[in-house]
Amino acid sequence: MRFGLFIPQGWRLDLVDIPPAEQWQVMRGLAQYADDGPWDSVWVYDHFHTVPVPTDEATHEAWSLMSAYAAVTSRVKLGQMCTAMGYRNPAYLAKVAATADVISGGRVQMGIGGGWYQHEWEAYGYGFPSAGERLGRLDEGVQIMRDAWRAGRATLDGRYYQVKDAIVAPKPLQDGGPPLWIAGGGEKVTLKIAAKYAQYTNFTAEPEGFRHKSEVLASHCRDVGTDFDAIVRSANLNSILATTEDEVRDRVERIRARQSAKADPAAVDGMLATATSPDSASGTPEQVVERLTRLRDLGCDYAILYFPEAAYDRSGIDLFAREVIPALS
């Protein structure tokens, strides 16, 4: 099992009380810390407005961070979970990703999905198309990016996108372009798109849900003639880790107090409930190893961890690296 680490960027109220002028230093330091550790990759979210509700707290833009991390790290892969296809023209996005890949020496991953956060879609003037249109744009956009990365040019007269001999030079350093992580568990469309194009998928960490989504993906792979076993299946997990359950509860309370000062406490409680659910990677190391072992046995080969307190306290990440990763790698 390989492991990725989310770097706080403000989206989940995880840079609260850190002055904006100091936030990049915090993010850069964590990325370099991961680069020196056992982590295979670092990740950011592609969002503009905070959760659980929009606030005026900082949310740093994903692809700007990709290029920045490319310049200040040397080993870890660099991903977004996940880029919303509708936020950028796909030929332009292919160009951005290719440039970041060159800066990184060939380490960029392309996490891509249909997008879901209606408030920011509408606030930024993108409207909020139907799920069918968002997924149609995802399918066409992936085709454009793959062609651009492989041939250096892309042409598509699609239903949603029209590009004519769009030049992407330089091409990415990675042969065929950055690996595609198709994110989402929609069974009729999203997982079919993943079966056609993905090197990685990303869906629920709930064990029975993960098993079921894997079966659906395998069926789509048979239908479209691709190799199910060649697709790495991944999941995102929240982690609040400590040596005792009492300390875990103390950490949760500190996080709750910090975030509730900026957003509705009931909404914060809802977000923290997912961070401490039975399907999370929260608890003691022994508890987390047991949960992740079950997920690994179901075919999850990659886990991406989000630590809500990372910007303030790295001890939970240290504990995970010291006691959880070696037990599962």
C-alpha atoms as a PDB file:
ATOM      1  CA  MET A   1       0.000   0.000   0.000  1.00  0.00           C
ATOM      2  CA  ARG A   2       1.290   3.466  -0.895  1.00  0.00           C
ATOM      3  CA  PHE A   3       0.398   6.683   0.888  1.00  0.00           C
ATOM      4  CA  GLY A   4      -0.241  10.281  -0.092  1.00  0.00           C
ATOM      5  CA  LEU A   5      -0.548  13.314   2.173  1.00  0.00           C
ATOM      6  CA  PHE A   6      -2.936  16.250   1.762  1.00  0.00           C
ATOM      7  CA  ILE A   7      -1.281  19.619   2.408  1.00  0.00           C
ATOM      8  CA  PRO A   8      -3.593  22.134   4.151  1.00  0.00           C
ATOM      9  CA  GLN A   9      -4.527  25.012   1.856  1.00  0.00           C
ATOM     10  CA  GLY A  10      -7.380  26.608   3.776  1.00  0.00           C
ATOM     11  CA  TRP A  11     -10.295  24.852   2.077  1.00  0.00           C
ATOM     12  CA  ARG A  12     -11.252  22.858   5.162  1.00  0.00           C
ATOM     13  CA  LEU A  13     -10.573  25.743   7.563  1.00  0.00           C
ATOM     14  CA  ASP A  14      -7.137  24.255   8.167  1.00  0.00           C
ATOM     15  CA  LEU A  15      -5.099  27.499   8.062  1.00  0.00           C
ATOM     16  CA  VAL A  16      -7.260  29.470  10.498  1.00  0.00           C
ATOM     17  CA  ASP A  17      -5.312  32.000  12.610  1.00  0.00           C
ATOM     18  CA  ILE A  18      -2.186  31.697  10.463  1.00  0.00           C
ATOM     19  CA  PRO A  19      -1.607  35.121   8.829  1.00  0.00           C
ATOM     20  CA  PRO A  20      -1.935  34.976   5.012  1.00  0.00           C
ATOM     21  CA  ALA A  21       1.654  36.172   4.593  1.00  0.00           C
ATOM     22  CA  GLU A  22       2.832  33.102   6.542  1.00  0.00           C
ATOM     23  CA  GLN A  23       0.572  30.461   5.007  1.00  0.00           C
ATOM     24  CA  TRP A  24       2.831  29.606   2.070  1.00  0.00           C
ATOM     25  CA  GLN A  25       5.743  28.972   4.430  1.00  0.00           C
ATOM     26  CA  VAL A  26       3.563  26.507   6.360  1.00  0.00           C
ATOM     27  CA  MET A  27       2.391  24.730   3.210  1.00  0.00           C
ATOM     28  CA  ARG A  28       5.886  24.634   1.698  1.00  0.00           C
ATOM     29  CA  GLY A  29       7.331  23.281   4.928  1.00  0.00           C
ATOM     30  CA  LEU A  30       4.818  20.435   5.033  1.00  0.00           C
ATOM     31  CA  ALA A  31       5.421  19.533   1.391  1.00  0.00           C
ATOM     32  CA  GLN A  32       9.185  19.408   1.987  1.00  0.00           C
ATOM     33  CA  TYR A  33       8.622  17.416   5.180  1.00  0.00           C
ATOM     34  CA  ALA A  34       6.643  14.849   3.144  1.00  0.00           C
ATOM     35  CA  ASP A  35       9.330  14.879   0.451  1.00  0.00           C
ATOM     36  CA  ASP A  36      11.848  13.783   3.075  1.00  0.00           C
ATOM     37  CA  GLY A  37       9.582  11.087   4.513  1.00  0.00           C
ATOM     38  CA  PRO A  38       7.828   7.846   3.511  1.00  0.00           C
ATOM     39  CA  TRP A  39       5.032   9.556   1.570  1.00  0.00           C
ATOM     40  CA  ASP A  40       4.641   8.730  -2.123  1.00  0.00           C
ATOM     41  CA  SER A  41       2.752  11.922  -2.985  1.00  0.00           C
ATOM     42  CA  VAL A  42       1.342  15.231  -1.755  1.00  0.00           C
ATOM     43  CA  TRP A  43      -2.130  16.490  -2.636  1.00  0.00           C
ATOM     44  CA  VAL A  44      -4.337  19.566  -2.648  1.00  0.00           C
ATOM     45  CA  TYR A  45      -8.042  20.116  -3.283  1.00  0.00           C
ATOM     46  CA  ASP A  46      -9.358  22.040  -6.284  1.00  0.00           C
ATOM     47  CA  HIS A  47     -11.764  24.424  -4.596  1.00  0.00           C
ATOM     48  CA  PHE A  48     -12.252  28.180  -4.282  1.00  0.00           C
ATOM     49  CA  HIS A  49     -14.582  28.521  -1.263  1.00  0.00           C
ATOM     50  CA  THR A  50     -14.229  26.916   2.157  1.00  0.00           C
ATOM     51  CA  VAL A  51     -16.254  24.072   3.640  1.00  0.00           C
ATOM     52  CA  PRO A  52     -18.382  23.248   5.556  1.00  0.00           C
ATOM     53  CA  VAL A  53     -19.723  26.671   4.546  1.00  0.00           C
ATOM     54  CA  PRO A  54     -18.241  29.479   2.419  1.00  0.00           C
ATOM     55  CA  THR A  55     -16.267  31.946   4.538  1.00  0.00           C
ATOM     56  CA  ASP A  56     -13.703  34.677   3.903  1.00  0.00           C
ATOM     57  CA  GLU A  57     -10.893  32.394   5.078  1.00  0.00           C
ATOM     58  CA  ALA A  58      -8.118  31.724   2.553  1.00  0.00           C
ATOM     59  CA  THR A  59      -8.449  28.899   0.030  1.00  0.00           C
ATOM     60  CA  HIS A  60      -5.286  28.679  -2.092  1.00  0.00           C
ATOM     61  CA  GLU A  61      -5.691  27.712  -5.770  1.00  0.00           C
ATOM     62  CA  ALA A  62      -4.703  24.159  -6.664  1.00  0.00           C
ATOM     63  CA  TRP A  63      -2.691  24.513  -9.871  1.00  0.00           C
ATOM     64  CA  SER A  64      -0.720  27.488  -8.604  1.00  0.00           C
ATOM     65  CA  LEU A  65       0.271  25.230  -5.712  1.00  0.00           C
ATOM     66  CA  MET A  66       1.174  22.419  -8.116  1.00  0.00           C
ATOM     67  CA  SER A  67       3.839  24.553  -9.785  1.00  0.00           C
ATOM     68  CA  ALA A  68       5.038  25.877  -6.448  1.00  0.00           C
ATOM     69  CA  TYR A  69       5.417  22.401  -4.961  1.00  0.00           C
ATOM     70  CA  ALA A  70       7.085  21.252  -8.173  1.00  0.00           C
ATOM     71  CA  ALA A  71       9.788  23.853  -7.587  1.00  0.00           C
ATOM     72  CA  VAL A  72      10.400  23.194  -3.879  1.00  0.00           C
ATOM     73  CA  THR A  73      10.298  19.374  -3.741  1.00  0.00           C
ATOM     74  CA  SER A  74      12.343  16.767  -5.554  1.00  0.00           C
ATOM     75  CA  ARG A  75      10.799  13.319  -5.064  1.00  0.00           C
ATOM     76  CA  VAL A  76       7.107  13.174  -4.149  1.00  0.00           C
ATOM     77  CA  LYS A  77       4.412  12.988  -6.792  1.00  0.00           C
ATOM     78  CA  LEU A  78       2.075  15.994  -6.960  1.00  0.00           C
ATOM     79  CA  GLY A  79      -1.697  15.613  -7.202  1.00  0.00           C
ATOM     80  CA  GLN A  80      -5.068  17.337  -6.889  1.00  0.00           C
ATOM     81  CA  MET A  81      -8.123  15.532  -5.549  1.00  0.00           C
ATOM     82  CA  CYS A  82      -9.613  16.489  -7.698  1.00  0.00           C
ATOM     83  CA  THR A  83      -9.452  19.075 -10.462  1.00  0.00           C
ATOM     84  CA  ALA A  84     -12.958  20.058 -11.571  1.00  0.00           C
ATOM     85  CA  MET A  85     -13.161  19.703 -15.336  1.00  0.00           C
ATOM     86  CA  GLY A  86     -15.601  22.588 -15.666  1.00  0.00           C
ATOM     87  CA  TYR A  87     -13.319  25.145 -14.000  1.00  0.00           C
ATOM     88  CA  ARG A  88     -10.780  25.348 -16.835  1.00  0.00           C
ATOM     89  CA  ASN A  89     -10.855  24.779 -20.576  1.00  0.00           C
ATOM     90  CA  PRO A  90      -9.310  21.304 -21.044  1.00  0.00           C
ATOM     91  CA  ALA A  91      -6.757  22.402 -23.642  1.00  0.00           C
ATOM     92  CA  TYR A  92      -5.650  25.156 -21.286  1.00  0.00           C
ATOM     93  CA  LEU A  93      -5.582  22.677 -18.396  1.00  0.00           C
ATOM     94  CA  ALA A  94      -3.443  20.303 -20.459  1.00  0.00           C
ATOM     95  CA  LYS A  95      -1.011  23.174 -21.011  1.00  0.00           C
ATOM     96  CA  VAL A  96      -0.925  24.083 -17.315  1.00  0.00           C
ATOM     97  CA  ALA A  97      -0.353  20.462 -16.287  1.00  0.00           C
ATOM     98  CA  ALA A  98       2.377  19.983 -18.889  1.00  0.00           C
ATOM     99  CA  THR A  99       4.215  23.056 -17.634  1.00  0.00           C
ATOM    100  CA  ALA A 100       3.962  21.896 -14.008  1.00  0.00           C
ATOM    101  CA  ASP A 101       5.179  18.449 -15.047  1.00  0.00           C
ATOM    102  CA  VAL A 102       8.268  19.958 -16.669  1.00  0.00           C
ATOM    103  CA  ILE A 103       8.973  22.078 -13.585  1.00  0.00           C
ATOM    104  CA  SER A 104       8.651  18.990 -11.369  1.00  0.00           C
ATOM    105  CA  GLY A 105      10.837  16.763 -13.495  1.00  0.00           C
ATOM    106  CA  GLY A 106       7.890  14.514 -14.357  1.00  0.00           C
ATOM    107  CA  ARG A 107       5.992  14.120 -11.067  1.00  0.00           C
ATOM    108  CA  VAL A 108       2.540  15.627 -11.698  1.00  0.00           C
ATOM    109  CA  GLN A 109      -0.592  13.478 -11.363  1.00  0.00           C
ATOM    110  CA  MET A 110      -3.913  14.530 -12.914  1.00  0.00           C
ATOM    111  CA  GLY A 111      -6.759  14.043 -10.480  1.00  0.00           C
ATOM    112  CA  ILE A 112      -9.904  14.917 -12.444  1.00  0.00           C
ATOM    113  CA  GLY A 113     -13.637  14.805 -11.830  1.00  0.00           C
ATOM    114  CA  GLY A 114     -16.950  16.368 -12.738  1.00  0.00           C
ATOM    115  CA  GLY A 115     -17.113  18.859  -9.846  1.00  0.00           C
ATOM    116  CA  TRP A 116     -19.840  19.234  -7.222  1.00  0.00           C
ATOM    117  CA  TYR A 117     -19.575  22.376  -5.041  1.00  0.00           C
ATOM    118  CA  GLN A 118     -22.520  24.354  -6.424  1.00  0.00           C
ATOM    119  CA  HIS A 119     -21.868  27.522  -4.420  1.00  0.00           C
ATOM    120  CA  GLU A 120     -18.435  28.136  -5.946  1.00  0.00           C
ATOM    121  CA  TRP A 121     -19.542  27.138  -9.450  1.00  0.00           C
ATOM    122  CA  GLU A 122     -22.209  29.833  -9.408  1.00  0.00           C
ATOM    123  CA  ALA A 123     -20.081  32.395  -7.570  1.00  0.00           C
ATOM    124  CA  TYR A 124     -17.360  32.165 -10.216  1.00  0.00           C
ATOM    125  CA  GLY A 125     -19.803  32.459 -13.087  1.00  0.00           C
ATOM    126  CA  TYR A 126     -19.716  28.862 -14.310  1.00  0.00           C
ATOM    127  CA  GLY A 127     -23.413  28.245 -13.704  1.00  0.00           C
ATOM    128  CA  PHE A 128     -24.108  24.769 -12.375  1.00  0.00           C
ATOM    129  CA  PRO A 129     -24.798  22.378 -15.237  1.00  0.00           C
ATOM    130  CA  SER A 130     -26.646  19.127 -14.741  1.00  0.00           C
ATOM    131  CA  ALA A 131     -24.701  16.095 -13.569  1.00  0.00           C
ATOM    132  CA  GLY A 132     -25.028  14.684 -17.085  1.00  0.00           C
ATOM    133  CA  GLU A 133     -23.384  17.737 -18.627  1.00  0.00           C
ATOM    134  CA  ARG A 134     -20.631  17.878 -16.005  1.00  0.00           C
ATOM    135  CA  LEU A 135     -19.772  14.251 -16.683  1.00  0.00           C
ATOM    136  CA  GLY A 136     -20.014  14.770 -20.434  1.00  0.00           C
ATOM    137  CA  ARG A 137     -17.478  17.567 -20.086  1.00  0.00           C
ATOM    138  CA  LEU A 138     -15.283  15.243 -18.035  1.00  0.00           C
ATOM    139  CA  ASP A 139     -15.263  12.605 -20.767  1.00  0.00           C
ATOM    140  CA  GLU A 140     -14.519  15.060 -23.575  1.00  0.00           C
ATOM    141  CA  GLY A 141     -11.976  16.966 -21.519  1.00  0.00           C
ATOM    142  CA  VAL A 142      -9.997  13.832 -20.710  1.00  0.00           C
ATOM    143  CA  GLN A 143      -9.884  12.968 -24.417  1.00  0.00           C
ATOM    144  CA  ILE A 144      -8.495  16.416 -25.226  1.00  0.00           C
ATOM    145  CA  MET A 145      -5.850  16.251 -22.504  1.00  0.00           C
ATOM    146  CA  ARG A 146      -4.688  12.768 -23.489  1.00  0.00           C
ATOM    147  CA  ASP A 147      -4.348  13.735 -27.136  1.00  0.00           C
ATOM    148  CA  ALA A 148      -2.523  16.955 -26.259  1.00  0.00           C
ATOM    149  CA  TRP A 149      -0.043  15.177 -23.995  1.00  0.00           C
ATOM    150  CA  ARG A 150       0.627  12.329 -26.390  1.00  0.00           C
ATOM    151  CA  ALA A 151       0.776  14.180 -29.700  1.00  0.00           C
ATOM    152  CA  GLY A 152       1.466  17.747 -28.613  1.00  0.00           C
ATOM    153  CA  ARG A 153      -1.742  18.825 -30.366  1.00  0.00           C
ATOM    154  CA  ALA A 154      -5.449  18.243 -29.836  1.00  0.00           C
ATOM    155  CA  THR A 155      -8.559  18.598 -31.977  1.00  0.00           C
ATOM    156  CA  LEU A 156     -12.078  17.737 -30.888  1.00  0.00           C
ATOM    157  CA  ASP A 157     -15.447  18.864 -32.196  1.00  0.00           C
ATOM    158  CA  GLY A 158     -17.432  17.678 -29.230  1.00  0.00           C
ATOM    159  CA  ARG A 159     -20.796  18.426 -27.733  1.00  0.00           C
ATOM    160  CA  TYR A 160     -19.269  20.539 -24.963  1.00  0.00           C
ATOM    161  CA  TYR A 161     -15.748  21.399 -26.111  1.00  0.00           C
ATOM    162  CA  GLN A 162     -14.389  22.415 -29.485  1.00  0.00           C
ATOM    163  CA  VAL A 163     -10.633  22.719 -29.914  1.00  0.00           C
ATOM    164  CA  LYS A 164      -8.873  22.877 -33.264  1.00  0.00           C
ATOM    165  CA  ASP A 165      -5.202  21.951 -33.512  1.00  0.00           C
ATOM    166  CA  ALA A 166      -4.457  23.231 -29.993  1.00  0.00           C
ATOM    167  CA  ILE A 167      -0.689  23.043 -29.493  1.00  0.00           C
ATOM    168  CA  VAL A 168       0.682  21.911 -26.139  1.00  0.00           C
ATOM    169  CA  ALA A 169       4.439  22.392 -26.224  1.00  0.00           C
ATOM    170  CA  PRO A 170       6.439  21.411 -24.374  1.00  0.00           C
ATOM    171  CA  LYS A 171       4.692  18.125 -23.788  1.00  0.00           C
ATOM    172  CA  PRO A 172       4.826  16.671 -20.278  1.00  0.00           C
ATOM    173  CA  LEU A 173       8.006  14.834 -19.396  1.00  0.00           C
ATOM    174  CA  GLN A 174       6.065  11.707 -18.465  1.00  0.00           C
ATOM    175  CA  ASP A 175       5.476   9.423 -21.424  1.00  0.00           C
ATOM    176  CA  GLY A 176       1.805   9.803 -22.369  1.00  0.00           C
ATOM    177  CA  GLY A 177       1.341  12.603 -19.883  1.00  0.00           C
ATOM    178  CA  PRO A 178       0.489  12.705 -16.180  1.00  0.00           C
ATOM    179  CA  PRO A 179      -1.333   9.618 -14.884  1.00  0.00           C
ATOM    180  CA  LEU A 180      -5.086  10.103 -14.794  1.00  0.00           C
ATOM    181  CA  TRP A 181      -6.872   9.701 -11.469  1.00  0.00           C
ATOM    182  CA  ILE A 182     -10.595   9.632 -12.278  1.00  0.00           C
ATOM    183  CA  ALA A 183     -12.348  10.565  -9.030  1.00  0.00           C
ATOM    184  CA  GLY A 184     -15.898   9.730  -8.064  1.00  0.00           C
ATOM    185  CA  GLY A 185     -18.076   6.691  -7.614  1.00  0.00           C
ATOM    186  CA  GLY A 186     -20.984   7.327  -9.981  1.00  0.00           C
ATOM    187  CA  GLU A 187     -21.751   3.849 -11.230  1.00  0.00           C
ATOM    188  CA  LYS A 188     -23.298   4.490 -14.629  1.00  0.00           C
ATOM    189  CA  VAL A 189     -21.038   7.228 -15.973  1.00  0.00           C
ATOM    190  CA  THR A 190     -18.056   8.158 -13.781  1.00  0.00           C
ATOM    191  CA  LEU A 191     -16.804   4.613 -13.292  1.00  0.00           C
ATOM    192  CA  LYS A 192     -17.283   3.930 -17.001  1.00  0.00           C
ATOM    193  CA  ILE A 193     -15.119   6.964 -17.809  1.00  0.00           C
ATOM    194  CA  ALA A 194     -12.567   5.594 -15.338  1.00  0.00           C
ATOM    195  CA  ALA A 195     -12.650   2.205 -17.041  1.00  0.00           C
ATOM    196  CA  LYS A 196     -11.879   3.846 -20.385  1.00  0.00           C
ATOM    197  CA  TYR A 197      -9.124   6.252 -19.359  1.00  0.00           C
ATOM    198  CA  ALA A 198      -7.867   5.942 -15.785  1.00  0.00           C
ATOM    199  CA  GLN A 199      -4.609   4.658 -14.410  1.00  0.00           C
ATOM    200  CA  TYR A 200      -6.022   5.312 -10.920  1.00  0.00           C
ATOM    201  CA  THR A 201      -9.501   5.618  -9.449  1.00  0.00           C
ATOM    202  CA  ASN A 202     -10.570   7.254  -6.201  1.00  0.00           C
ATOM    203  CA  PHE A 203     -13.823   6.492  -4.419  1.00  0.00           C
ATOM    204  CA  THR A 204     -15.286   5.710  -1.002  1.00  0.00           C
ATOM    205  CA  ALA A 205     -13.182   4.341   1.854  1.00  0.00           C
ATOM    206  CA  GLU A 206     -16.216   2.616   3.399  1.00  0.00           C
ATOM    207  CA  PRO A 207     -15.333  -1.082   2.993  1.00  0.00           C
ATOM    208  CA  GLU A 208     -18.599  -2.437   1.613  1.00  0.00           C
ATOM    209  CA  GLY A 209     -18.971   0.584  -0.642  1.00  0.00           C
ATOM    210  CA  PHE A 210     -15.389   0.159  -1.835  1.00  0.00           C
ATOM    211  CA  ARG A 211     -16.012  -3.510  -2.616  1.00  0.00           C
ATOM    212  CA  HIS A 212     -19.186  -2.689  -4.545  1.00  0.00           C
ATOM    213  CA  LYS A 213     -17.649   0.180  -6.540  1.00  0.00           C
ATOM    214  CA  SER A 214     -14.740  -2.108  -7.431  1.00  0.00           C
ATOM    215  CA  GLU A 215     -17.157  -4.686  -8.817  1.00  0.00           C
ATOM    216  CA  VAL A 216     -18.913  -2.028 -10.892  1.00  0.00           C
ATOM    217  CA  LEU A 217     -15.571  -0.772 -12.222  1.00  0.00           C
ATOM    218  CA  ALA A 218     -14.553  -4.316 -13.138  1.00  0.00           C
ATOM    219  CA  SER A 219     -17.800  -4.753 -15.068  1.00  0.00           C
ATOM    220  CA  HIS A 220     -17.212  -1.550 -17.022  1.00  0.00           C
ATOM    221  CA  CYS A 221     -13.653  -2.653 -17.790  1.00  0.00           C
ATOM    222  CA  ARG A 222     -14.991  -5.874 -19.279  1.00  0.00           C
ATOM    223  CA  ASP A 223     -17.497  -3.920 -21.348  1.00  0.00           C
ATOM    224  CA  VAL A 224     -14.958  -1.463 -22.791  1.00  0.00           C
ATOM    225  CA  GLY A 225     -12.115  -3.966 -23.090  1.00  0.00           C
ATOM    226  CA  THR A 226      -9.629  -2.548 -20.579  1.00  0.00           C
ATOM    227  CA  ASP A 227      -7.602  -4.293 -17.871  1.00  0.00           C
ATOM    228  CA  PHE A 228      -9.237  -3.865 -14.475  1.00  0.00           C
ATOM    229  CA  ASP A 229      -6.133  -5.124 -12.682  1.00  0.00           C
ATOM    230  CA  ALA A 230      -4.033  -2.377 -14.268  1.00  0.00           C
ATOM    231  CA  ILE A 231      -6.084   0.357 -12.549  1.00  0.00           C
ATOM    232  CA  VAL A 232      -4.882   1.296  -9.072  1.00  0.00           C
ATOM    233  CA  ARG A 233      -7.808   1.853  -6.728  1.00  0.00           C
ATOM    234  CA  SER A 234      -7.376   4.545  -4.072  1.00  0.00           C
ATOM    235  CA  ALA A 235      -9.345   6.162  -1.268  1.00  0.00           C
ATOM    236  CA  ASN A 236      -9.098   9.367   0.769  1.00  0.00           C
ATOM    237  CA  LEU A 237      -9.168   9.120   4.551  1.00  0.00           C
ATOM    238  CA  ASN A 238      -9.305  11.675   7.337  1.00  0.00           C
ATOM    239  CA  SER A 239      -6.898  11.043  10.207  1.00  0.00           C
ATOM    240  CA  ILE A 240      -6.736  12.331  13.754  1.00  0.00           C
ATOM    241  CA  LEU A 241      -4.167  10.002  15.279  1.00  0.00           C
ATOM    242  CA  ALA A 242      -2.812   9.666  18.802  1.00  0.00           C
ATOM    243  CA  THR A 243      -1.476   6.980  21.102  1.00  0.00           C
ATOM    244  CA  THR A 244      -4.662   6.875  23.215  1.00  0.00           C
ATOM    245  CA  GLU A 245      -8.350   7.388  22.545  1.00  0.00           C
ATOM    246  CA  ASP A 246      -8.477  10.135  25.175  1.00  0.00           C
ATOM    247  CA  GLU A 247      -5.795  12.069  23.302  1.00  0.00           C
ATOM    248  CA  VAL A 248      -7.705  11.629  20.041  1.00  0.00           C
ATOM    249  CA  ARG A 249     -10.759  13.203  21.697  1.00  0.00           C
ATOM    250  CA  ASP A 250      -8.627  16.074  22.992  1.00  0.00           C
ATOM    251  CA  ARG A 251      -7.285  16.716  19.491  1.00  0.00           C
ATOM    252  CA  VAL A 252     -10.795  16.715  18.039  1.00  0.00           C
ATOM    253  CA  GLU A 253     -11.901  19.297  20.609  1.00  0.00           C
ATOM    254  CA  ARG A 254      -8.991  21.586  19.734  1.00  0.00           C
ATOM    255  CA  ILE A 255      -9.864  21.359  16.046  1.00  0.00           C
ATOM    256  CA  ARG A 256     -13.554  22.000  16.798  1.00  0.00           C
ATOM    257  CA  ALA A 257     -12.789  25.096  18.847  1.00  0.00           C
ATOM    258  CA  ARG A 258     -10.526  26.597  16.190  1.00  0.00           C
ATOM    259  CA  GLN A 259     -12.927  26.002  13.290  1.00  0.00           C
ATOM    260  CA  SER A 260     -16.113  26.918  15.176  1.00  0.00           C
ATOM    261  CA  ALA A 261     -14.721  30.404  15.670  1.00  0.00           C
ATOM    262  CA  LYS A 262     -14.965  30.868  11.880  1.00  0.00           C
ATOM    263  CA  ALA A 263     -18.004  28.824  10.834  1.00  0.00           C
ATOM    264  CA  ASP A 264     -21.326  27.594  12.200  1.00  0.00           C
ATOM    265  CA  PRO A 265     -20.520  25.083  14.983  1.00  0.00           C
ATOM    266  CA  ALA A 266     -23.203  22.659  13.805  1.00  0.00           C
ATOM    267  CA  ALA A 267     -21.673  22.604  10.319  1.00  0.00           C
ATOM    268  CA  VAL A 268     -18.210  22.118  11.816  1.00  0.00           C
ATOM    269  CA  ASP A 269     -19.531  19.205  13.872  1.00  0.00           C
ATOM    270  CA  GLY A 270     -20.871  17.622  10.702  1.00  0.00           C
ATOM    271  CA  MET A 271     -17.490  17.913   9.012  1.00  0.00           C
ATOM    272  CA  LEU A 272     -15.666  16.536  12.051  1.00  0.00           C
ATOM    273  CA  ALA A 273     -18.077  13.612  12.204  1.00  0.00           C
ATOM    274  CA  THR A 274     -16.681  12.384   8.895  1.00  0.00           C
ATOM    275  CA  ALA A 275     -13.144  12.840  10.242  1.00  0.00           C
ATOM    276  CA  THR A 276     -13.825  10.513  13.159  1.00  0.00           C
ATOM    277  CA  SER A 277     -16.242   8.021  11.576  1.00  0.00           C
ATOM    278  CA  PRO A 278     -15.618   4.255  11.707  1.00  0.00           C
ATOM    279  CA  ASP A 279     -14.425   4.505   8.086  1.00  0.00           C
ATOM    280  CA  SER A 280     -11.806   7.141   8.847  1.00  0.00           C
ATOM    281  CA  ALA A 281      -8.144   6.651   9.722  1.00  0.00           C
ATOM    282  CA  SER A 282      -8.679   8.278  13.114  1.00  0.00           C
ATOM    283  CA  GLY A 283      -7.928   6.601  16.420  1.00  0.00           C
ATOM    284  CA  THR A 284      -4.884   4.831  17.763  1.00  0.00           C
ATOM    285  CA  PRO A 285      -2.271   3.366  15.402  1.00  0.00           C
ATOM    286  CA  GLU A 286      -3.494  -0.157  16.151  1.00  0.00           C
ATOM    287  CA  GLN A 287      -7.072   0.747  15.268  1.00  0.00           C
ATOM    288  CA  VAL A 288      -6.022   2.483  12.060  1.00  0.00           C
ATOM    289  CA  VAL A 289      -3.798  -0.404  10.934  1.00  0.00           C
ATOM    290  CA  GLU A 290      -6.731  -2.781  11.406  1.00  0.00           C
ATOM    291  CA  ARG A 291      -9.078  -0.615   9.314  1.00  0.00           C
ATOM    292  CA  LEU A 292      -6.572  -0.001   6.538  1.00  0.00           C
ATOM    293  CA  THR A 293      -5.640  -3.676   6.395  1.00  0.00           C
ATOM    294  CA  ARG A 294      -9.264  -4.495   5.667  1.00  0.00           C
ATOM    295  CA  LEU A 295      -9.367  -1.855   2.946  1.00  0.00           C
ATOM    296  CA  ARG A 296      -6.105  -3.090   1.446  1.00  0.00           C
ATOM    297  CA  ASP A 297      -7.460  -6.649   1.399  1.00  0.00           C
ATOM    298  CA  LEU A 298     -10.381  -5.374  -0.681  1.00  0.00           C
ATOM    299  CA  GLY A 299      -7.958  -4.074  -3.312  1.00  0.00           C
ATOM    300  CA  CYS A 300      -7.213  -0.530  -2.157  1.00  0.00           C
ATOM    301  CA  ASP A 301      -3.559  -0.070  -3.040  1.00  0.00           C
ATOM    302  CA  TYR A 302      -3.296   3.659  -2.323  1.00  0.00           C
ATOM    303  CA  ALA A 303      -4.503   5.762   0.606  1.00  0.00           C
ATOM    304  CA  ILE A 304      -4.403   9.569   0.678  1.00  0.00           C
ATOM    305  CA  LEU A 305      -4.472  10.960   4.209  1.00  0.00           C
ATOM    306  CA  TYR A 306      -5.859  14.275   5.406  1.00  0.00           C
ATOM    307  CA  PHE A 307      -4.795  15.467   8.875  1.00  0.00           C
ATOM    308  CA  PRO A 308      -6.982  18.435   9.960  1.00  0.00           C
ATOM    309  CA  GLU A 309      -4.329  19.724  12.386  1.00  0.00           C
ATOM    310  CA  ALA A 310      -1.347  19.422  10.033  1.00  0.00           C
ATOM    311  CA  ALA A 311      -0.657  23.163   9.840  1.00  0.00           C
ATOM    312  CA  TYR A 312      -0.395  23.415  13.628  1.00  0.00           C
ATOM    313  CA  ASP A 313       0.858  20.043  14.853  1.00  0.00           C
ATOM    314  CA  ARG A 314       2.745  17.351  12.912  1.00  0.00           C
ATOM    315  CA  SER A 315       2.840  14.793  15.719  1.00  0.00           C
ATOM    316  CA  GLY A 316      -0.107  12.832  14.320  1.00  0.00           C
ATOM    317  CA  ILE A 317       1.565  12.654  10.913  1.00  0.00           C
ATOM    318  CA  ASP A 318       4.815  11.571  12.555  1.00  0.00           C
ATOM    319  CA  LEU A 319       2.976   8.817  14.431  1.00  0.00           C
ATOM    320  CA  PHE A 320       1.291   7.636  11.234  1.00  0.00           C
ATOM    321  CA  ALA A 321       4.613   7.529   9.389  1.00  0.00           C
ATOM    322  CA  ARG A 322       6.301   5.706  12.246  1.00  0.00           C
ATOM    323  CA  GLU A 323       3.671   3.108  13.157  1.00  0.00           C
ATOM    324  CA  VAL A 324       1.031   2.827  10.431  1.00  0.00           C
ATOM    325  CA  ILE A 325       2.891   3.065   7.105  1.00  0.00           C
ATOM    326  CA  PRO A 326       5.482   0.373   7.948  1.00  0.00           C
ATOM    327  CA  ALA A 327       2.703  -2.046   8.936  1.00  0.00           C
ATOM    328  CA  LEU A 328       0.986  -1.701   5.538  1.00  0.00           C
ATOM    329  CA  SER A 329       3.688  -0.917   3.003  1.00  0.00           C
END
